[in-house]
Amino acid sequence: MIVDDEQSSIDLLQWLIGQYCPDITAIKTARSVQEAIPSIQSFKPDVLFLDIQMPHQSGFDLLTTIDNWNFEVIFTTAYNEFAIQAIRFSALDYLLKPVDESELKKAVERYKAKRIYAPAGQLLFRNFIQNISHGNKNKFKLALADTTEVKYVQLDEIIRLQAESNYTHIFLTGNKVFVSAKTLKEYDEILQGHKFLRVHKSHLVNPAHIDAYDRQGILMMSDGSRVEVARRKKEFLQQSLSGK
């Protein structure tokens, strides 16, 4: 289902879906929150493409009105760096307007491959609202979602992240480890601007948890783990730590 107040945006997205997303076999549209609510209840969509900024009531108003979700939400929005970072921190998905065909296909493939966010959609959205209400990205909580649970962590709880194939092992304080279906590259992008350091193709570390850096190019972390620093990253790391 597509909810957007601009008919031109609806027409474009509907055409792109018809051309590039053959697995989507039925589409319903609405141009306001008031129109969308009864349609969602009767149509029961698997995926909701939801415009954030609409007159009178926003996409957020729509989601807070619905009691129980059983669909995936993909926000559609004009570029807004702060809102997009809050969305990504909350493990939600989005598409920038005007929607690009390749990004649309990727978003639909993510839904098909994981299908993990829809059952937890309300929890993820609640975290998003808390994040964006802070007005300060440094206070964002990061939502970690897998097939069985959703965990919310402060950034200072994250010691390091380690790539393992297409998964990421996230090492937290208190000897806790979370395995995420997101790649390390995705987390590197999400955490940009939050001082995390990519010291190796397989390692992203929180400098606040670095205890020592030895001459062999090994980081000693606060949990006792040792992280190898890639040769080409050593100068970058030293410069970063000198300004720590």
C-alpha atoms as a PDB file:
ATOM      1  CA  MET A   1       0.000   0.000   0.000  1.00  0.00           C
ATOM      2  CA  ILE A   2       1.197   3.526  -0.847  1.00  0.00           C
ATOM      3  CA  VAL A   3       0.231   6.481   1.343  1.00  0.00           C
ATOM      4  CA  ASP A   4       1.306   9.874  -0.011  1.00  0.00           C
ATOM      5  CA  ASP A   5      -0.453  13.215  -0.370  1.00  0.00           C
ATOM      6  CA  GLU A   6       1.141  13.887  -3.787  1.00  0.00           C
ATOM      7  CA  GLN A   7      -0.509  12.022  -6.661  1.00  0.00           C
ATOM      8  CA  SER A   8       2.625  12.370  -8.804  1.00  0.00           C
ATOM      9  CA  SER A   9       4.665  10.526  -6.134  1.00  0.00           C
ATOM     10  CA  ILE A  10       2.036   7.786  -5.950  1.00  0.00           C
ATOM     11  CA  ASP A  11       1.984   7.419  -9.731  1.00  0.00           C
ATOM     12  CA  LEU A  12       5.781   7.177  -9.963  1.00  0.00           C
ATOM     13  CA  LEU A  13       6.121   4.626  -7.160  1.00  0.00           C
ATOM     14  CA  GLN A  14       3.211   2.585  -8.496  1.00  0.00           C
ATOM     15  CA  TRP A  15       4.807   2.516 -11.955  1.00  0.00           C
ATOM     16  CA  LEU A  16       8.218   1.537 -10.549  1.00  0.00           C
ATOM     17  CA  ILE A  17       6.682  -1.289  -8.516  1.00  0.00           C
ATOM     18  CA  GLY A  18       4.853  -2.549 -11.607  1.00  0.00           C
ATOM     19  CA  GLN A  19       8.055  -2.481 -13.646  1.00  0.00           C
ATOM     20  CA  TYR A  20      10.633  -3.767 -11.167  1.00  0.00           C
ATOM     21  CA  CYS A  21       8.869  -5.593  -8.313  1.00  0.00           C
ATOM     22  CA  PRO A  22       6.842  -8.443  -9.876  1.00  0.00           C
ATOM     23  CA  ASP A  23       6.361 -10.143  -6.509  1.00  0.00           C
ATOM     24  CA  ILE A  24       4.074  -7.282  -5.464  1.00  0.00           C
ATOM     25  CA  THR A  25       0.818  -8.327  -7.086  1.00  0.00           C
ATOM     26  CA  ALA A  26      -1.714  -5.904  -5.593  1.00  0.00           C
ATOM     27  CA  ILE A  27      -1.418  -2.210  -4.767  1.00  0.00           C
ATOM     28  CA  LYS A  28      -3.811   0.136  -2.994  1.00  0.00           C
ATOM     29  CA  THR A  29      -3.210   3.858  -2.503  1.00  0.00           C
ATOM     30  CA  ALA A  30      -4.370   6.646  -0.210  1.00  0.00           C
ATOM     31  CA  ARG A  31      -3.621  10.374  -0.108  1.00  0.00           C
ATOM     32  CA  SER A  32      -4.244  11.060   3.588  1.00  0.00           C
ATOM     33  CA  VAL A  33      -4.097   9.415   6.977  1.00  0.00           C
ATOM     34  CA  GLN A  34      -7.868   9.581   7.254  1.00  0.00           C
ATOM     35  CA  GLU A  35      -8.269   7.751   3.942  1.00  0.00           C
ATOM     36  CA  ALA A  36      -5.515   5.253   4.682  1.00  0.00           C
ATOM     37  CA  ILE A  37      -6.668   3.868   8.032  1.00  0.00           C
ATOM     38  CA  PRO A  38      -9.835   2.015   6.867  1.00  0.00           C
ATOM     39  CA  SER A  39      -8.009   0.867   3.720  1.00  0.00           C
ATOM     40  CA  ILE A  40      -5.196  -0.660   5.769  1.00  0.00           C
ATOM     41  CA  GLN A  41      -7.714  -2.472   7.933  1.00  0.00           C
ATOM     42  CA  SER A  42      -9.512  -3.986   4.945  1.00  0.00           C
ATOM     43  CA  PHE A  43      -6.595  -4.420   2.501  1.00  0.00           C
ATOM     44  CA  LYS A  44      -4.147  -5.786   5.087  1.00  0.00           C
ATOM     45  CA  PRO A  45      -0.934  -4.875   3.215  1.00  0.00           C
ATOM     46  CA  ASP A  46       2.344  -6.732   3.614  1.00  0.00           C
ATOM     47  CA  VAL A  47       4.339  -3.560   2.932  1.00  0.00           C
ATOM     48  CA  LEU A  48       3.359   0.055   3.568  1.00  0.00           C
ATOM     49  CA  PHE A  49       5.212   2.747   1.610  1.00  0.00           C
ATOM     50  CA  LEU A  50       4.542   5.728   3.841  1.00  0.00           C
ATOM     51  CA  ASP A  51       5.234   9.397   3.171  1.00  0.00           C
ATOM     52  CA  ILE A  52       6.460  11.128   6.311  1.00  0.00           C
ATOM     53  CA  GLN A  53       5.447  14.706   5.583  1.00  0.00           C
ATOM     54  CA  MET A  54       1.783  15.152   4.723  1.00  0.00           C
ATOM     55  CA  PRO A  55      -0.558  18.061   5.509  1.00  0.00           C
ATOM     56  CA  HIS A  56      -2.906  17.809   8.512  1.00  0.00           C
ATOM     57  CA  GLN A  57      -1.546  14.445   9.728  1.00  0.00           C
ATOM     58  CA  SER A  58       1.907  12.943   9.138  1.00  0.00           C
ATOM     59  CA  GLY A  59       2.974   9.394   8.453  1.00  0.00           C
ATOM     60  CA  PHE A  60       3.949   9.191  12.119  1.00  0.00           C
ATOM     61  CA  ASP A  61       0.378  10.070  13.104  1.00  0.00           C
ATOM     62  CA  LEU A  62      -0.855   7.174  10.993  1.00  0.00           C
ATOM     63  CA  LEU A  63       1.415   4.671  12.732  1.00  0.00           C
ATOM     64  CA  THR A  64       0.516   5.859  16.223  1.00  0.00           C
ATOM     65  CA  THR A  65      -3.175   5.444  15.353  1.00  0.00           C
ATOM     66  CA  ILE A  66      -2.935   1.769  14.361  1.00  0.00           C
ATOM     67  CA  ASP A  67      -3.076  -0.596  17.336  1.00  0.00           C
ATOM     68  CA  ASN A  68      -1.436  -3.730  15.938  1.00  0.00           C
ATOM     69  CA  TRP A  69       0.949  -3.947  12.998  1.00  0.00           C
ATOM     70  CA  ASN A  70       1.567  -6.967  10.832  1.00  0.00           C
ATOM     71  CA  PHE A  71       3.199  -5.139   7.930  1.00  0.00           C
ATOM     72  CA  GLU A  72       6.620  -3.753   7.061  1.00  0.00           C
ATOM     73  CA  VAL A  73       6.950   0.033   6.893  1.00  0.00           C
ATOM     74  CA  ILE A  74       9.189   1.685   4.305  1.00  0.00           C
ATOM     75  CA  PHE A  75       9.227   5.438   4.802  1.00  0.00           C
ATOM     76  CA  THR A  76       9.391   7.660   1.725  1.00  0.00           C
ATOM     77  CA  THR A  77      10.895  11.057   2.425  1.00  0.00           C
ATOM     78  CA  ALA A  78      12.722  14.022   0.987  1.00  0.00           C
ATOM     79  CA  TYR A  79      16.300  14.281   2.226  1.00  0.00           C
ATOM     80  CA  ASN A  80      16.540  15.115   5.915  1.00  0.00           C
ATOM     81  CA  GLU A  81      19.796  13.902   7.442  1.00  0.00           C
ATOM     82  CA  PHE A  82      18.638  14.001  11.067  1.00  0.00           C
ATOM     83  CA  ALA A  83      15.367  12.129  10.424  1.00  0.00           C
ATOM     84  CA  ILE A  84      17.081   9.551   8.212  1.00  0.00           C
ATOM     85  CA  GLN A  85      19.720   8.828  10.856  1.00  0.00           C
ATOM     86  CA  ALA A  86      16.979   8.369  13.457  1.00  0.00           C
ATOM     87  CA  ILE A  87      15.188   5.968  11.086  1.00  0.00           C
ATOM     88  CA  ARG A  88      18.350   3.931  10.497  1.00  0.00           C
ATOM     89  CA  PHE A  89      19.203   3.817  14.208  1.00  0.00           C
ATOM     90  CA  SER A  90      15.755   2.342  14.790  1.00  0.00           C
ATOM     91  CA  ALA A  91      16.273  -0.475  12.223  1.00  0.00           C
ATOM     92  CA  LEU A  92      13.523   0.910  10.011  1.00  0.00           C
ATOM     93  CA  ASP A  93      13.733   1.284   6.242  1.00  0.00           C
ATOM     94  CA  TYR A  94      13.331   4.308   3.991  1.00  0.00           C
ATOM     95  CA  LEU A  95      13.488   5.523   0.401  1.00  0.00           C
ATOM     96  CA  LEU A  96      14.525   8.995  -0.661  1.00  0.00           C
ATOM     97  CA  LYS A  97      12.271  10.954  -3.002  1.00  0.00           C
ATOM     98  CA  PRO A  98      12.227  10.892  -5.951  1.00  0.00           C
ATOM     99  CA  VAL A  99      12.351   7.133  -5.550  1.00  0.00           C
ATOM    100  CA  ASP A 100      15.131   5.405  -7.478  1.00  0.00           C
ATOM    101  CA  GLU A 101      14.369   2.049  -9.100  1.00  0.00           C
ATOM    102  CA  SER A 102      17.513   0.340  -7.776  1.00  0.00           C
ATOM    103  CA  GLU A 103      16.879   1.531  -4.199  1.00  0.00           C
ATOM    104  CA  LEU A 104      13.270   0.382  -4.442  1.00  0.00           C
ATOM    105  CA  LYS A 105      14.365  -3.090  -5.553  1.00  0.00           C
ATOM    106  CA  LYS A 106      16.892  -3.248  -2.701  1.00  0.00           C
ATOM    107  CA  ALA A 107      14.228  -2.261  -0.143  1.00  0.00           C
ATOM    108  CA  VAL A 108      11.822  -4.925  -1.404  1.00  0.00           C
ATOM    109  CA  GLU A 109      14.612  -7.528  -1.421  1.00  0.00           C
ATOM    110  CA  ARG A 110      15.511  -6.621   2.183  1.00  0.00           C
ATOM    111  CA  TYR A 111      11.901  -7.208   3.158  1.00  0.00           C
ATOM    112  CA  LYS A 112      11.762 -10.543   1.332  1.00  0.00           C
ATOM    113  CA  ALA A 113      15.100 -11.737   2.717  1.00  0.00           C
ATOM    114  CA  LYS A 114      14.527 -10.877   6.357  1.00  0.00           C
ATOM    115  CA  ARG A 115      10.857 -10.247   7.095  1.00  0.00           C
ATOM    116  CA  ILE A 116      11.965  -9.601  10.666  1.00  0.00           C
ATOM    117  CA  TYR A 117      10.919  -6.021  11.246  1.00  0.00           C
ATOM    118  CA  ALA A 118       7.186  -6.258  10.666  1.00  0.00           C
ATOM    119  CA  PRO A 119       6.380  -8.223  13.876  1.00  0.00           C
ATOM    120  CA  ALA A 120       8.463  -5.745  15.875  1.00  0.00           C
ATOM    121  CA  GLY A 121       7.387  -2.703  13.879  1.00  0.00           C
ATOM    122  CA  GLN A 122       5.675  -0.892  16.711  1.00  0.00           C
ATOM    123  CA  LEU A 123       8.650  -1.376  19.037  1.00  0.00           C
ATOM    124  CA  LEU A 124      11.059  -0.104  16.382  1.00  0.00           C
ATOM    125  CA  PHE A 125       8.828   2.864  15.634  1.00  0.00           C
ATOM    126  CA  ARG A 126       8.585   3.695  19.332  1.00  0.00           C
ATOM    127  CA  ASN A 127      12.371   3.765  19.526  1.00  0.00           C
ATOM    128  CA  PHE A 128      12.452   6.024  16.456  1.00  0.00           C
ATOM    129  CA  ILE A 129      10.039   8.504  18.067  1.00  0.00           C
ATOM    130  CA  GLN A 130      12.168   8.568  21.224  1.00  0.00           C
ATOM    131  CA  ASN A 131      15.311   9.145  19.180  1.00  0.00           C
ATOM    132  CA  ILE A 132      13.951  11.941  17.042  1.00  0.00           C
ATOM    133  CA  SER A 133      12.334  13.678  20.020  1.00  0.00           C
ATOM    134  CA  HIS A 134      15.757  14.099  21.665  1.00  0.00           C
ATOM    135  CA  GLY A 135      16.907  16.486  18.968  1.00  0.00           C
ATOM    136  CA  ASN A 136      20.437  15.220  19.659  1.00  0.00           C
ATOM    137  CA  LYS A 137      21.863  12.328  17.622  1.00  0.00           C
ATOM    138  CA  ASN A 138      24.358  11.538  20.390  1.00  0.00           C
ATOM    139  CA  LYS A 139      21.437  10.408  22.564  1.00  0.00           C
ATOM    140  CA  PHE A 140      20.023   8.011  19.974  1.00  0.00           C
ATOM    141  CA  LYS A 141      19.492   4.401  21.018  1.00  0.00           C
ATOM    142  CA  LEU A 142      20.486   1.819  18.419  1.00  0.00           C
ATOM    143  CA  ALA A 143      17.849  -0.839  17.712  1.00  0.00           C
ATOM    144  CA  LEU A 144      19.305  -4.303  17.152  1.00  0.00           C
ATOM    145  CA  ALA A 145      16.755  -6.628  15.579  1.00  0.00           C
ATOM    146  CA  ASP A 146      16.902 -10.306  14.700  1.00  0.00           C
ATOM    147  CA  THR A 147      14.310 -13.024  14.173  1.00  0.00           C
ATOM    148  CA  THR A 148      13.643 -13.488  17.890  1.00  0.00           C
ATOM    149  CA  GLU A 149      14.152 -10.168  19.655  1.00  0.00           C
ATOM    150  CA  VAL A 150      14.749  -6.449  19.466  1.00  0.00           C
ATOM    151  CA  LYS A 151      17.352  -4.918  21.759  1.00  0.00           C
ATOM    152  CA  TYR A 152      17.956  -1.189  22.284  1.00  0.00           C
ATOM    153  CA  VAL A 153      21.405  -0.035  23.327  1.00  0.00           C
ATOM    154  CA  GLN A 154      23.121   3.237  24.102  1.00  0.00           C
ATOM    155  CA  LEU A 155      26.214   3.811  21.995  1.00  0.00           C
ATOM    156  CA  ASP A 156      28.481   3.748  25.050  1.00  0.00           C
ATOM    157  CA  GLU A 157      27.341   0.147  25.667  1.00  0.00           C
ATOM    158  CA  ILE A 158      28.899  -0.958  22.362  1.00  0.00           C
ATOM    159  CA  ILE A 159      32.536  -2.020  22.700  1.00  0.00           C
ATOM    160  CA  ARG A 160      33.139  -3.210  19.157  1.00  0.00           C
ATOM    161  CA  LEU A 161      31.538  -4.759  16.066  1.00  0.00           C
ATOM    162  CA  GLN A 162      33.015  -7.647  14.096  1.00  0.00           C
ATOM    163  CA  ALA A 163      32.059  -8.863  10.617  1.00  0.00           C
ATOM    164  CA  GLU A 164      31.226 -12.532  10.139  1.00  0.00           C
ATOM    165  CA  SER A 165      30.170 -13.212   6.542  1.00  0.00           C
ATOM    166  CA  ASN A 166      26.954 -11.197   6.018  1.00  0.00           C
ATOM    167  CA  TYR A 167      26.344 -10.924   9.763  1.00  0.00           C
ATOM    168  CA  THR A 168      27.787  -8.662  12.434  1.00  0.00           C
ATOM    169  CA  HIS A 169      28.716  -9.690  15.973  1.00  0.00           C
ATOM    170  CA  ILE A 170      28.150  -6.745  18.317  1.00  0.00           C
ATOM    171  CA  PHE A 171      30.072  -6.959  21.587  1.00  0.00           C
ATOM    172  CA  LEU A 172      28.412  -5.078  24.435  1.00  0.00           C
ATOM    173  CA  THR A 173      29.330  -4.232  27.995  1.00  0.00           C
ATOM    174  CA  GLY A 174      28.466  -6.917  30.538  1.00  0.00           C
ATOM    175  CA  ASN A 175      29.935  -9.660  28.295  1.00  0.00           C
ATOM    176  CA  LYS A 176      26.877  -9.601  26.015  1.00  0.00           C
ATOM    177  CA  VAL A 177      27.034 -10.383  22.303  1.00  0.00           C
ATOM    178  CA  PHE A 178      24.312  -9.700  19.731  1.00  0.00           C
ATOM    179  CA  VAL A 179      24.362 -11.221  16.237  1.00  0.00           C
ATOM    180  CA  SER A 180      22.757  -8.931  13.653  1.00  0.00           C
ATOM    181  CA  ALA A 181      21.722  -9.712  10.087  1.00  0.00           C
ATOM    182  CA  LYS A 182      23.079  -6.330   8.983  1.00  0.00           C
ATOM    183  CA  THR A 183      26.571  -6.163   7.501  1.00  0.00           C
ATOM    184  CA  LEU A 184      29.450  -4.314   9.122  1.00  0.00           C
ATOM    185  CA  LYS A 185      29.383  -1.878   6.182  1.00  0.00           C
ATOM    186  CA  GLU A 186      25.798  -0.950   7.074  1.00  0.00           C
ATOM    187  CA  TYR A 187      26.738  -0.319  10.710  1.00  0.00           C
ATOM    188  CA  ASP A 188      29.764   1.702   9.616  1.00  0.00           C
ATOM    189  CA  GLU A 189      27.419   3.961   7.643  1.00  0.00           C
ATOM    190  CA  ILE A 190      24.834   4.183  10.441  1.00  0.00           C
ATOM    191  CA  LEU A 191      27.469   5.078  13.046  1.00  0.00           C
ATOM    192  CA  GLN A 192      29.232   7.721  10.982  1.00  0.00           C
ATOM    193  CA  GLY A 193      29.543  10.893  13.008  1.00  0.00           C
ATOM    194  CA  HIS A 194      29.554   8.978  16.303  1.00  0.00           C
ATOM    195  CA  LYS A 195      33.348   8.536  16.590  1.00  0.00           C
ATOM    196  CA  PHE A 196      33.389   4.791  15.887  1.00  0.00           C
ATOM    197  CA  LEU A 197      36.587   3.756  14.064  1.00  0.00           C
ATOM    198  CA  ARG A 198      36.856   1.264  11.202  1.00  0.00           C
ATOM    199  CA  VAL A 199      40.298  -0.167  11.980  1.00  0.00           C
ATOM    200  CA  HIS A 200      40.076  -3.259   9.783  1.00  0.00           C
ATOM    201  CA  LYS A 201      37.755  -4.623   7.113  1.00  0.00           C
ATOM    202  CA  SER A 202      36.306  -6.868   9.829  1.00  0.00           C
ATOM    203  CA  HIS A 203      36.393  -4.540  12.838  1.00  0.00           C
ATOM    204  CA  LEU A 204      34.620  -1.354  13.932  1.00  0.00           C
ATOM    205  CA  VAL A 205      35.504  -0.155  17.436  1.00  0.00           C
ATOM    206  CA  ASN A 206      34.268   2.356  19.974  1.00  0.00           C
ATOM    207  CA  PRO A 207      37.333   4.445  20.943  1.00  0.00           C
ATOM    208  CA  ALA A 208      35.855   5.021  24.399  1.00  0.00           C
ATOM    209  CA  HIS A 209      36.514   1.321  25.089  1.00  0.00           C
ATOM    210  CA  ILE A 210      40.125   1.219  23.871  1.00  0.00           C
ATOM    211  CA  ASP A 211      42.451   0.508  26.816  1.00  0.00           C
ATOM    212  CA  ALA A 212      45.750   0.291  24.944  1.00  0.00           C
ATOM    213  CA  TYR A 213      47.373   0.119  21.503  1.00  0.00           C
ATOM    214  CA  ASP A 214      50.619  -1.832  21.265  1.00  0.00           C
ATOM    215  CA  ARG A 215      53.515  -1.683  18.800  1.00  0.00           C
ATOM    216  CA  GLN A 216      52.322  -4.807  17.001  1.00  0.00           C
ATOM    217  CA  GLY A 217      49.198  -2.962  15.909  1.00  0.00           C
ATOM    218  CA  ILE A 218      46.813  -4.627  18.350  1.00  0.00           C
ATOM    219  CA  LEU A 219      44.079  -2.802  20.244  1.00  0.00           C
ATOM    220  CA  MET A 220      43.264  -3.958  23.763  1.00  0.00           C
ATOM    221  CA  MET A 221      39.591  -3.336  24.457  1.00  0.00           C
ATOM    222  CA  SER A 222      37.851  -2.819  27.794  1.00  0.00           C
ATOM    223  CA  ASP A 223      36.336  -6.317  27.720  1.00  0.00           C
ATOM    224  CA  GLY A 224      39.792  -7.913  27.372  1.00  0.00           C
ATOM    225  CA  SER A 225      39.441  -8.635  23.658  1.00  0.00           C
ATOM    226  CA  ARG A 226      42.243  -7.919  21.188  1.00  0.00           C
ATOM    227  CA  VAL A 227      41.557  -6.317  17.796  1.00  0.00           C
ATOM    228  CA  GLU A 228      43.988  -6.321  14.899  1.00  0.00           C
ATOM    229  CA  VAL A 229      44.517  -2.980  13.149  1.00  0.00           C
ATOM    230  CA  ALA A 230      45.034  -3.172   9.386  1.00  0.00           C
ATOM    231  CA  ARG A 231      48.400  -1.817   8.234  1.00  0.00           C
ATOM    232  CA  ARG A 232      46.826   0.883   6.101  1.00  0.00           C
ATOM    233  CA  LYS A 233      44.660   1.988   9.047  1.00  0.00           C
ATOM    234  CA  LYS A 234      47.478   2.480  11.586  1.00  0.00           C
ATOM    235  CA  GLU A 235      48.240   6.108  10.770  1.00  0.00           C
ATOM    236  CA  PHE A 236      44.527   6.927  10.686  1.00  0.00           C
ATOM    237  CA  LEU A 237      44.054   5.273  14.081  1.00  0.00           C
ATOM    238  CA  GLN A 238      46.982   7.106  15.668  1.00  0.00           C
ATOM    239  CA  GLN A 239      45.651  10.437  14.409  1.00  0.00           C
ATOM    240  CA  SER A 240      42.180   9.605  15.701  1.00  0.00           C
ATOM    241  CA  LEU A 241      43.448   8.537  19.132  1.00  0.00           C
ATOM    242  CA  SER A 242      45.631  11.607  19.497  1.00  0.00           C
ATOM    243  CA  GLY A 243      42.488  13.697  19.273  1.00  0.00           C
ATOM    244  CA  LYS A 244      40.468  11.336  21.490  1.00  0.00           C
END
